[in-house]
Amino acid sequence: MIGAGVSMIALPWLVLDHGGSATQAGLIFALSVFPYVVFGLPAGVVGDRHSRRRVMWVSHLVQAFVALVVPLWAITGHPPLLLVLAAAFGIGTARVFVDAAVFGAISALIGRERFTEGQATLSAAWAFGYFAGPAIGGVLIGLIGPAYALLAEAVGFFVAFGLILLIRRDLDAGRHDEPREPAAAMMKEGLDAIWRVPRVRAYTWVSIGWNLGAAMSAALIVPLLRDALGLSSLQAGLVLGVGSVMGLIVPVFLGRLVAARGPGDVTAGLTLLSFGSILATAAAPGFLTVLVTNAIRSLSDFAILSTVIGERQKGVPDRLQARVGITGRMIAVCAIAGGGLIGSVLADLVGVRGVFVISGLLVGVAIVLTIPRVRGLDRPDREPTVEL
């Protein structure tokens, strides 16, 4: 995630530095997540069928080599936009397979009953990387330019590759020794679980609605900081980094908050916080204000993701963890990619700040349409888990 954090600021900066538009910079975000739509179902089969450790280290190694393409091209000249977009897509593709294996690994390590707490802890690890990554990226952009700053991303993936090889715990526990089904049948089983289990279905709808709205602004955070507010690369890196460090706070309070208030009420409160903070970021006049509003927005983002993913996976049998987890993420990413694409197109029509306003309003609509479903699950007569 340190490497991913570097690319989060360096790739859009590279596009904007060479005359690219806000729309083109926004496409970086959209293409980095679009592989979930293309490869989500096959990755779920791979994650439930093959060694999770092997899937993760192979995928990290692929990411490392793809990340080297842009800085190596920069030795001979400016990397073309198509190459930058292809690199974002290639790294995103490998990440799909990593994530599929991770869903099953979490369940194997701590059990699905504690998935929300485990997901929050993992979000803290992401936050640490996203704090260090943008800060390092902002400094490196100023020193050596955005193309060569991506060398740090490649180093991060090589380190992740090595660390995965050092894990000795069993990451495949909980899977039954069953006859190997055809891949198509395994994909269908994962999709069926999304719609047949009430808990999984309800939190999937929340994920779709919230991600569609919030992604419109997330795709344009760098153009907002760089062009609308006129921040330097260092200031922009600090804004993104401080926002990311908010994820470190989530494991401190989320588990106890969910236990005390119930996941439905917590999800409702967090989405309201997301709604308000996106609108506040749209109106931010300068560095200090956007530093605060984006930090609040990021805090709500990390907490929503941890709650939605954790509560959804609690309703999933161990043998389906990878398939349902990555299928749920694939559905969410469809909403993210769609929101990012719409936001990128609208940026040239209504301006970056205008897109943030529309983004916040869409999150408000999602609250009205989806939150009653998850709050209903907290009633004592509702069964949270259905074995398939």
Protein backbone atom coordinates (compact mmCIF):
# COMPACT_ATOMS: atom_id res chain seq x y z
CA MET A 1 0.00 0.00 0.00
CA ILE A 2 2.97 2.33 0.36
CA GLY A 3 3.70 1.72 -3.31
CA ALA A 4 0.04 2.14 -4.23
CA GLY A 5 -0.03 5.39 -2.27
CA VAL A 6 2.87 6.74 -4.32
CA SER A 7 1.09 5.94 -7.58
CA MET A 8 -2.14 7.50 -6.29
CA ILE A 9 -0.53 10.92 -6.56
CA ALA A 10 2.29 10.30 -9.09
CA LEU A 11 0.25 8.88 -11.99
CA PRO A 12 -2.38 11.67 -12.14
CA TRP A 13 0.39 14.24 -11.59
CA LEU A 14 2.35 12.78 -14.50
CA VAL A 15 -0.70 13.17 -16.78
CA LEU A 16 -1.44 16.74 -15.63
CA ASP A 17 2.21 17.81 -15.85
CA HIS A 18 2.26 17.09 -19.58
CA GLY A 19 -0.89 18.91 -20.51
CA GLY A 20 -3.46 16.23 -19.72
CA SER A 21 -6.95 17.25 -18.63
CA ALA A 22 -8.75 16.52 -15.35
CA THR A 23 -10.79 13.95 -17.27
CA GLN A 24 -7.64 12.09 -18.35
CA ALA A 25 -6.23 12.23 -14.81
CA GLY A 26 -9.51 10.82 -13.49
CA LEU A 27 -9.25 7.91 -15.93
CA ILE A 28 -6.16 6.71 -14.02
CA PHE A 29 -8.36 5.99 -11.02
CA ALA A 30 -11.12 4.40 -13.09
CA LEU A 31 -8.73 2.07 -14.97
CA SER A 32 -6.95 1.01 -11.80
CA VAL A 33 -10.21 -0.40 -10.41
CA PHE A 34 -11.89 -1.55 -13.64
CA PRO A 35 -10.04 -4.95 -13.60
CA TYR A 36 -12.33 -5.96 -10.73
CA VAL A 37 -15.20 -5.88 -13.22
CA VAL A 38 -13.31 -7.99 -15.78
CA PHE A 39 -11.49 -10.48 -13.54
CA GLY A 40 -13.47 -10.51 -10.27
CA LEU A 41 -15.34 -13.79 -10.84
CA PRO A 42 -12.31 -15.79 -12.10
CA ALA A 43 -10.19 -14.41 -9.25
CA GLY A 44 -12.74 -15.65 -6.73
CA VAL A 45 -12.49 -19.16 -8.16
CA VAL A 46 -8.69 -18.99 -8.01
CA GLY A 47 -8.78 -17.74 -4.40
CA ASP A 48 -11.09 -20.58 -3.25
CA ARG A 49 -9.41 -23.30 -5.31
CA HIS A 50 -5.62 -22.68 -5.13
CA SER A 51 -3.06 -21.88 -2.45
CA ARG A 52 -3.83 -18.37 -1.18
CA ARG A 53 -0.18 -17.71 -0.35
CA ARG A 54 0.91 -18.62 -3.88
CA VAL A 55 -1.78 -16.46 -5.46
CA MET A 56 -0.63 -13.46 -3.40
CA TRP A 57 3.12 -13.70 -4.02
CA VAL A 58 2.74 -14.32 -7.76
CA SER A 59 0.39 -11.35 -8.07
CA HIS A 60 2.72 -9.04 -6.14
CA LEU A 61 5.62 -10.05 -8.38
CA VAL A 62 3.56 -9.21 -11.48
CA GLN A 63 2.68 -5.82 -9.98
CA ALA A 64 6.33 -5.06 -9.32
CA PHE A 65 7.41 -5.65 -12.91
CA VAL A 66 4.47 -3.70 -14.36
CA ALA A 67 5.27 -0.78 -12.06
CA LEU A 68 8.78 -0.60 -13.56
CA VAL A 69 7.47 0.06 -17.09
CA VAL A 70 6.74 3.81 -16.71
CA PRO A 71 10.06 4.82 -15.06
CA LEU A 72 12.05 2.71 -17.55
CA TRP A 73 10.25 4.37 -20.47
CA ALA A 74 10.99 7.78 -18.91
CA ILE A 75 14.72 7.18 -19.47
CA THR A 76 14.18 7.74 -23.21
CA GLY A 77 11.32 10.27 -23.08
CA HIS A 78 7.94 11.16 -21.64
CA PRO A 79 5.74 8.05 -21.24
CA PRO A 80 2.67 8.30 -23.49
CA LEU A 81 -0.78 8.48 -21.92
CA LEU A 82 -1.72 5.05 -23.27
CA LEU A 83 1.25 3.45 -21.49
CA VAL A 84 0.37 5.16 -18.20
CA LEU A 85 -3.23 3.96 -18.46
CA ALA A 86 -2.09 0.43 -19.36
CA ALA A 87 0.22 0.32 -16.32
CA ALA A 88 -2.64 1.39 -14.04
CA PHE A 89 -4.83 -1.35 -15.53
CA GLY A 90 -2.11 -4.02 -15.26
CA ILE A 91 -1.35 -3.30 -11.61
CA GLY A 92 -5.06 -3.23 -10.84
CA THR A 93 -5.53 -6.62 -12.52
CA ALA A 94 -2.95 -8.32 -10.30
CA ARG A 95 -4.48 -6.66 -7.24
CA VAL A 96 -7.82 -8.37 -7.94
CA PHE A 97 -6.21 -11.78 -7.42
CA VAL A 98 -4.41 -10.61 -4.28
CA ASP A 99 -7.66 -9.36 -2.77
CA ALA A 100 -9.56 -12.56 -3.57
CA ALA A 101 -6.98 -14.60 -1.69
CA VAL A 102 -6.94 -12.12 1.21
CA PHE A 103 -10.68 -12.55 1.90
CA GLY A 104 -10.19 -16.26 2.50
CA ALA A 105 -6.97 -15.70 4.42
CA ILE A 106 -8.65 -13.38 6.95
CA SER A 107 -11.39 -15.93 7.61
CA ALA A 108 -8.80 -18.70 8.01
CA LEU A 109 -6.72 -16.66 10.49
CA ILE A 110 -9.35 -15.16 12.80
CA GLY A 111 -12.73 -16.67 11.89
CA ARG A 112 -15.60 -14.98 10.12
CA GLU A 113 -17.29 -13.99 13.43
CA ARG A 114 -14.53 -11.40 13.93
CA PHE A 115 -14.34 -10.34 10.30
CA THR A 116 -15.37 -6.72 10.97
CA GLU A 117 -12.60 -6.24 13.54
CA GLY A 118 -10.14 -8.02 11.25
CA GLN A 119 -11.13 -5.89 8.29
CA ALA A 120 -10.72 -2.73 10.38
CA THR A 121 -7.23 -3.83 11.41
CA LEU A 122 -6.35 -4.56 7.80
CA SER A 123 -7.72 -1.11 6.88
CA ALA A 124 -5.27 0.36 9.37
CA ALA A 125 -2.45 -1.36 7.52
CA TRP A 126 -3.77 0.11 4.27
CA ALA A 127 -3.99 3.52 5.94
CA PHE A 128 -0.37 3.35 7.07
CA GLY A 129 0.70 2.66 3.51
CA TYR A 130 -1.52 5.36 2.08
CA PHE A 131 -0.16 7.84 4.64
CA ALA A 132 3.47 7.11 3.85
CA GLY A 133 2.90 6.60 0.10
CA PRO A 134 1.43 10.02 -0.84
CA ALA A 135 3.89 11.80 1.43
CA ILE A 136 6.83 9.98 -0.18
CA GLY A 137 5.28 10.52 -3.60
CA GLY A 138 4.87 14.25 -3.04
CA VAL A 139 8.52 14.59 -2.03
CA LEU A 140 9.79 12.42 -4.90
CA ILE A 141 7.72 14.32 -7.48
CA GLY A 142 9.43 17.52 -6.39
CA LEU A 143 12.89 15.92 -6.46
CA ILE A 144 12.92 13.61 -9.50
CA GLY A 145 9.55 14.01 -11.22
CA PRO A 146 6.42 11.84 -11.20
CA ALA A 147 7.69 9.18 -13.64
CA TYR A 148 10.77 8.26 -11.62
CA ALA A 149 8.78 8.55 -8.37
CA LEU A 150 7.02 5.35 -9.50
CA LEU A 151 10.21 3.40 -8.79
CA ALA A 152 9.11 3.54 -5.15
CA GLU A 153 5.91 1.75 -6.14
CA ALA A 154 7.89 -1.09 -7.73
CA VAL A 155 10.07 -1.39 -4.62
CA GLY A 156 6.95 -1.62 -2.47
CA PHE A 157 5.60 -4.53 -4.49
CA PHE A 158 8.93 -6.37 -4.37
CA VAL A 159 8.96 -5.98 -0.56
CA ALA A 160 5.36 -7.28 -0.37
CA PHE A 161 6.38 -10.27 -2.49
CA GLY A 162 9.15 -11.13 -0.04
CA LEU A 163 6.98 -10.69 3.03
CA ILE A 164 4.28 -13.00 1.70
CA LEU A 165 6.90 -15.75 1.33
CA LEU A 166 7.78 -15.36 5.03
CA ILE A 167 4.25 -16.17 6.26
CA ARG A 168 4.14 -19.62 7.87
CA ARG A 169 0.54 -19.73 9.15
CA ASP A 170 -2.00 -21.83 7.26
CA LEU A 171 -3.98 -19.48 5.00
CA ASP A 172 -6.15 -22.25 3.54
CA ALA A 173 -7.90 -23.43 6.71
CA GLY A 174 -11.68 -23.73 6.60
CA ARG A 175 -11.89 -25.10 3.09
CA HIS A 176 -13.43 -28.54 2.72
CA ASP A 177 -11.89 -31.34 0.70
CA GLU A 178 -14.66 -31.38 -1.88
CA PRO A 179 -14.59 -32.53 -5.52
CA ARG A 180 -13.37 -29.73 -7.76
CA GLU A 181 -16.36 -28.11 -9.44
CA PRO A 182 -16.24 -26.51 -12.89
CA ALA A 183 -15.18 -22.89 -12.74
CA ALA A 184 -18.50 -21.66 -14.13
CA ALA A 185 -20.41 -23.49 -11.41
CA MET A 186 -18.15 -22.02 -8.72
CA MET A 187 -18.72 -18.50 -10.06
CA LYS A 188 -22.47 -19.03 -10.06
CA GLU A 189 -22.41 -20.29 -6.49
CA GLY A 190 -20.63 -17.12 -5.38
CA LEU A 191 -23.12 -14.91 -7.23
CA ASP A 192 -26.06 -16.84 -5.75
CA ALA A 193 -24.80 -16.19 -2.23
CA ILE A 194 -24.77 -12.44 -2.88
CA TRP A 195 -28.52 -12.40 -3.55
CA ARG A 196 -29.82 -15.31 -1.44
CA VAL A 197 -28.34 -14.36 1.95
CA PRO A 198 -30.25 -11.34 3.35
CA ARG A 199 -27.26 -9.91 5.22
CA VAL A 200 -24.97 -10.15 2.19
CA ARG A 201 -27.62 -8.69 -0.12
CA ALA A 202 -28.41 -5.71 2.12
CA TYR A 203 -24.80 -4.67 2.63
CA THR A 204 -24.13 -5.15 -1.08
CA TRP A 205 -26.82 -2.56 -1.87
CA VAL A 206 -25.25 -0.12 0.61
CA SER A 207 -21.88 -0.67 -1.04
CA ILE A 208 -23.29 -0.03 -4.52
CA GLY A 209 -25.10 3.17 -3.59
CA TRP A 210 -22.38 4.70 -1.46
CA ASN A 211 -19.50 3.81 -3.79
CA LEU A 212 -21.28 5.19 -6.85
CA GLY A 213 -21.68 8.57 -5.21
CA ALA A 214 -18.41 8.79 -3.29
CA ALA A 215 -16.22 7.64 -6.21
CA MET A 216 -17.19 10.66 -8.28
CA SER A 217 -15.23 12.89 -5.92
CA ALA A 218 -12.51 10.36 -5.05
CA ALA A 219 -11.46 10.19 -8.70
CA LEU A 220 -10.87 13.95 -8.78
CA ILE A 221 -9.17 14.62 -5.46
CA VAL A 222 -5.78 15.33 -7.09
CA PRO A 223 -7.22 17.80 -9.66
CA LEU A 224 -9.11 19.50 -6.81
CA LEU A 225 -5.94 19.90 -4.76
CA ARG A 226 -3.63 20.80 -7.65
CA ASP A 227 -5.81 22.93 -9.94
CA ALA A 228 -8.86 24.15 -8.00
CA LEU A 229 -6.92 24.95 -4.80
CA GLY A 230 -3.46 25.50 -6.32
CA LEU A 231 -1.60 23.35 -3.80
CA SER A 232 1.98 22.22 -4.31
CA SER A 233 2.88 18.55 -4.67
CA LEU A 234 4.07 18.51 -1.04
CA GLN A 235 0.85 20.07 0.25
CA ALA A 236 -1.27 17.69 -1.84
CA GLY A 237 0.74 14.74 -0.54
CA LEU A 238 0.16 15.90 3.03
CA VAL A 239 -3.59 16.24 2.49
CA LEU A 240 -3.81 12.73 1.05
CA GLY A 241 -1.43 11.34 3.66
CA VAL A 242 -3.27 12.81 6.64
CA GLY A 243 -6.52 11.54 5.16
CA SER A 244 -5.05 8.08 4.87
CA VAL A 245 -3.75 8.01 8.44
CA MET A 246 -7.34 8.34 9.62
CA GLY A 247 -7.63 4.64 8.85
CA LEU A 248 -5.28 3.95 11.77
CA ILE A 249 -7.97 5.20 14.14
CA VAL A 250 -10.72 2.92 12.86
CA PRO A 251 -9.66 -0.32 14.67
CA VAL A 252 -9.56 1.62 17.96
CA PHE A 253 -13.28 2.36 18.01
CA LEU A 254 -15.12 0.39 15.30
CA GLY A 255 -15.44 -2.99 17.00
CA ARG A 256 -16.73 -1.51 20.26
CA LEU A 257 -19.01 0.91 18.42
CA VAL A 258 -20.61 -1.86 16.36
CA ALA A 259 -21.08 -3.97 19.50
CA ALA A 260 -22.69 -1.08 21.39
CA ARG A 261 -24.86 0.48 18.69
CA GLY A 262 -25.35 -2.32 16.18
CA PRO A 263 -23.91 -2.46 12.64
CA GLY A 264 -27.03 -0.94 11.05
CA ASP A 265 -26.97 2.25 13.13
CA VAL A 266 -23.20 2.53 12.76
CA THR A 267 -23.46 2.21 8.98
CA ALA A 268 -26.17 4.89 8.93
CA GLY A 269 -24.09 7.33 10.98
CA LEU A 270 -20.96 6.77 8.93
CA THR A 271 -22.70 7.35 5.60
CA LEU A 272 -24.18 10.59 6.96
CA LEU A 273 -20.67 11.66 7.93
CA SER A 274 -19.47 10.82 4.42
CA PHE A 275 -22.30 12.92 2.92
CA GLY A 276 -21.41 16.00 4.96
CA SER A 277 -17.63 15.76 4.57
CA ILE A 278 -17.77 15.46 0.76
CA LEU A 279 -19.86 18.64 0.56
CA ALA A 280 -17.50 20.40 2.99
CA THR A 281 -14.49 19.39 0.86
CA ALA A 282 -16.23 20.86 -2.20
CA ALA A 283 -16.45 24.23 -0.42
CA ALA A 284 -12.93 24.20 1.08
CA PRO A 285 -11.15 27.51 0.37
CA GLY A 286 -7.56 26.46 1.00
CA PHE A 287 -4.96 24.07 2.40
CA LEU A 288 -5.89 23.97 6.09
CA THR A 289 -9.62 23.62 5.48
CA VAL A 290 -9.28 20.85 2.92
CA LEU A 291 -6.79 19.11 5.22
CA VAL A 292 -9.53 18.83 7.87
CA THR A 293 -12.51 18.07 5.61
CA ASN A 294 -10.62 15.42 3.63
CA ALA A 295 -9.43 13.83 6.88
CA ILE A 296 -13.05 13.49 8.06
CA ARG A 297 -14.07 12.17 4.65
CA SER A 298 -11.30 9.56 4.75
CA LEU A 299 -12.20 8.51 8.30
CA SER A 300 -15.77 7.83 7.24
CA ASP A 301 -14.54 6.00 4.11
CA PHE A 302 -12.30 3.60 6.04
CA ALA A 303 -14.96 2.92 8.66
CA ILE A 304 -17.73 2.35 6.09
CA LEU A 305 -15.58 -0.06 4.09
CA SER A 306 -14.60 -2.04 7.18
CA THR A 307 -18.18 -2.25 8.44
CA VAL A 308 -19.78 -3.15 5.11
CA ILE A 309 -17.16 -5.77 4.20
CA GLY A 310 -16.97 -7.27 7.68
CA GLU A 311 -20.72 -7.54 8.21
CA ARG A 312 -21.22 -8.95 4.72
CA GLN A 313 -18.58 -11.66 5.14
CA LYS A 314 -20.08 -12.77 8.46
CA GLY A 315 -22.94 -14.24 6.48
CA VAL A 316 -20.67 -16.30 4.19
CA PRO A 317 -19.51 -19.94 4.69
CA ASP A 318 -15.75 -20.46 4.85
CA ARG A 319 -15.56 -22.30 1.54
CA LEU A 320 -17.15 -19.30 -0.27
CA GLN A 321 -15.16 -16.50 1.37
CA ALA A 322 -12.96 -15.66 -1.62
CA ARG A 323 -15.77 -15.90 -4.17
CA VAL A 324 -18.32 -13.85 -2.25
CA GLY A 325 -15.71 -11.39 -1.02
CA ILE A 326 -14.26 -10.64 -4.45
CA THR A 327 -17.69 -10.77 -6.13
CA GLY A 328 -18.96 -8.23 -3.63
CA ARG A 329 -15.92 -6.11 -4.31
CA MET A 330 -16.40 -6.54 -8.05
CA ILE A 331 -19.97 -5.25 -7.75
CA ALA A 332 -18.78 -2.35 -5.62
CA VAL A 333 -15.99 -1.56 -8.06
CA CYS A 334 -18.50 -1.47 -10.90
CA ALA A 335 -20.12 1.34 -8.95
CA ILE A 336 -16.70 2.91 -8.23
CA ALA A 337 -15.60 2.72 -11.87
CA GLY A 338 -18.93 4.09 -13.02
CA GLY A 339 -18.82 6.91 -10.49
CA GLY A 340 -15.20 7.71 -11.32
CA LEU A 341 -15.94 7.76 -15.03
CA ILE A 342 -19.02 9.96 -14.63
CA GLY A 343 -17.10 12.32 -12.36
CA SER A 344 -14.22 12.55 -14.83
CA VAL A 345 -16.57 13.41 -17.70
CA LEU A 346 -18.52 15.95 -15.65
CA ALA A 347 -15.29 17.65 -14.50
CA ASP A 348 -14.94 19.48 -17.82
CA LEU A 349 -18.64 20.42 -17.80
CA VAL A 350 -19.37 21.59 -14.24
CA GLY A 351 -15.87 21.92 -12.80
CA VAL A 352 -14.15 19.82 -10.15
CA ARG A 353 -15.96 21.50 -7.25
CA GLY A 354 -19.28 20.94 -8.98
CA VAL A 355 -18.54 17.24 -9.24
CA PHE A 356 -17.87 17.12 -5.48
CA VAL A 357 -21.28 18.68 -4.80
CA ILE A 358 -23.02 16.14 -7.05
CA SER A 359 -21.02 13.37 -5.37
CA GLY A 360 -22.22 14.38 -1.91
CA LEU A 361 -25.84 14.62 -3.04
CA LEU A 362 -25.71 11.11 -4.54
CA VAL A 363 -24.39 9.74 -1.24
CA GLY A 364 -27.41 11.35 0.40
CA VAL A 365 -29.71 9.54 -2.02
CA ALA A 366 -27.94 6.26 -1.24
CA ILE A 367 -28.59 6.79 2.48
CA VAL A 368 -32.32 7.14 1.91
CA LEU A 369 -32.58 4.11 -0.38
CA THR A 370 -30.28 1.54 1.27
CA ILE A 371 -29.79 2.21 4.98
CA PRO A 372 -33.27 0.99 6.06
CA ARG A 373 -32.33 -2.47 4.71
CA VAL A 374 -29.30 -2.91 6.95
CA ARG A 375 -30.96 -1.39 10.01
CA GLY A 376 -33.70 -3.99 9.66
CA LEU A 377 -31.10 -6.76 9.98
CA ASP A 378 -30.39 -5.75 13.58
CA ARG A 379 -33.83 -6.91 14.73
CA PRO A 380 -33.57 -10.00 17.00
CA ASP A 381 -35.83 -12.03 14.71
CA ARG A 382 -33.48 -11.73 11.73
CA GLU A 383 -31.00 -14.57 11.15
CA PRO A 384 -27.58 -13.04 10.23
CA THR A 385 -26.00 -16.09 8.64
CA VAL A 386 -27.30 -18.63 6.13
CA GLU A 387 -25.19 -21.65 5.26
CA LEU A 388 -25.25 -22.54 1.55
